[in-house]
C-alpha cells in the first residue's frame, strides 16, 4: 500500500469517527430530548480550541517572542487535553442552556441557538488576540507522537486506532443512556414537557443534562479533529456544519443509534468526499457551495417522503420489571406493557 493511499484511508477513518461522535451528541439532544440545537457546532469548536490551548503551551516562546495570538495556553500531558475539551464543552452548555432552554419554546430556542452560533463565529474573527482570529490556531502537537517515536505513517494508524477507541467509548455512553431509566424521562420531556412537568419531572435540569452530555460529545469530536489536522480555525466550524450533522441524523433515522451512525457515514463523510471528485466549473467556490445545496435537498427530500429516515426509531417495549425487553423476546413483550 502506497503512503498516499494509507494516509487517505486513515483520514477517512478519523473523519468518520469525528462525524459519528458528533452526530450521536446531536441526536441525544434532538431525538431523545427534542432540543433543536442549531448552535451545536459551537460545542465542537470549543473542543477543538480547548485541546489546542491545553497542548500548545504559552503563546510566547522562551525568549518572550509571541509565536501565535491567543489569550492563554498550557501544555498538559496526554490525555488531559481531551478530558479538558469534553469538560469545556459541557461547561459552555450552562450559560447557553440557561438563556435558551428555560423560558423559550422550541421554535424560539432554535432561533436563539442559531444566533449564538453566528455571534460566536463573529467574535472569534473580530478578536484575533483571543483565539487567533480568522487564522485560528496552528502547530497543535500530535498526541504522544514524540513519546512513541513512530514514523508519520505508523503514527497515522495509531491515531486512527485512538479515534476508534474514543468512538467506542462514545457508543458506550449513548447506549447506556438509551437503556437507563433516564431515557424514559428524556422521551417524556420530548413528547410533552407540560405533562412531564405535571408528573413532577423538573424539565429544565433534564434538558440541561442532555444538552451538556450532547455538547460534551460534540467537543470530543472537535478535539479529535483539531489534534489530527494540527490546526483549528473559524472556517472549520461554520454554522452550516450543524446542518450537515442534522442531515445525517434525519437521513439515518432520528432515535436510532445505528441509523445515526449510518447517516454520519453517508452524509458528512460519503457525500462530502464525493463532492471532491466533481469537475470544477463556474466561479471559484461553486463546487464547494454545491455540498450544502445537495445536503439541503437531501434533507428536504427525506422530510417530505421518509421523515423517519432509513432506519426508523424502533418501538421500545418494557417488561413487568420495568426493564427494556429485547426485540427477539416476544413472549415477555406480550406480558409487558408499552
Foldseek 3Di string as FASTA:
>chain_A
DDLVVLLVVLVLLLLLLLLLLLLLLCLLQCQQQNAQQLLLLVLLQLLLLQLQQQQVAAQADPVRHGNAAADHHHHDAPPVSLVRLLVRLLVVLVVLLVVQPPPDDRVSSNVSNNVVNVVVLVVQQVCCNHANHQQGDFQGAAHCCVVVVDDPSVVSVVLSVVSVVVSVVSVVVSVVCCFDPLSVLSNVNNPDVVVSVVVPDPNSVSSSVSSSNSSSSSSSSSNSVCSVVRGDGSVVRHSLVSLQSVLLCQQQFRQDSVSSSVSSCCGSNVLVVVLVPDDDDDDPCPSVVVSSVVSVVSSVVCVVPPRRHPDGNDDWAAAPVRGTDPPVCVVRRVRGDD
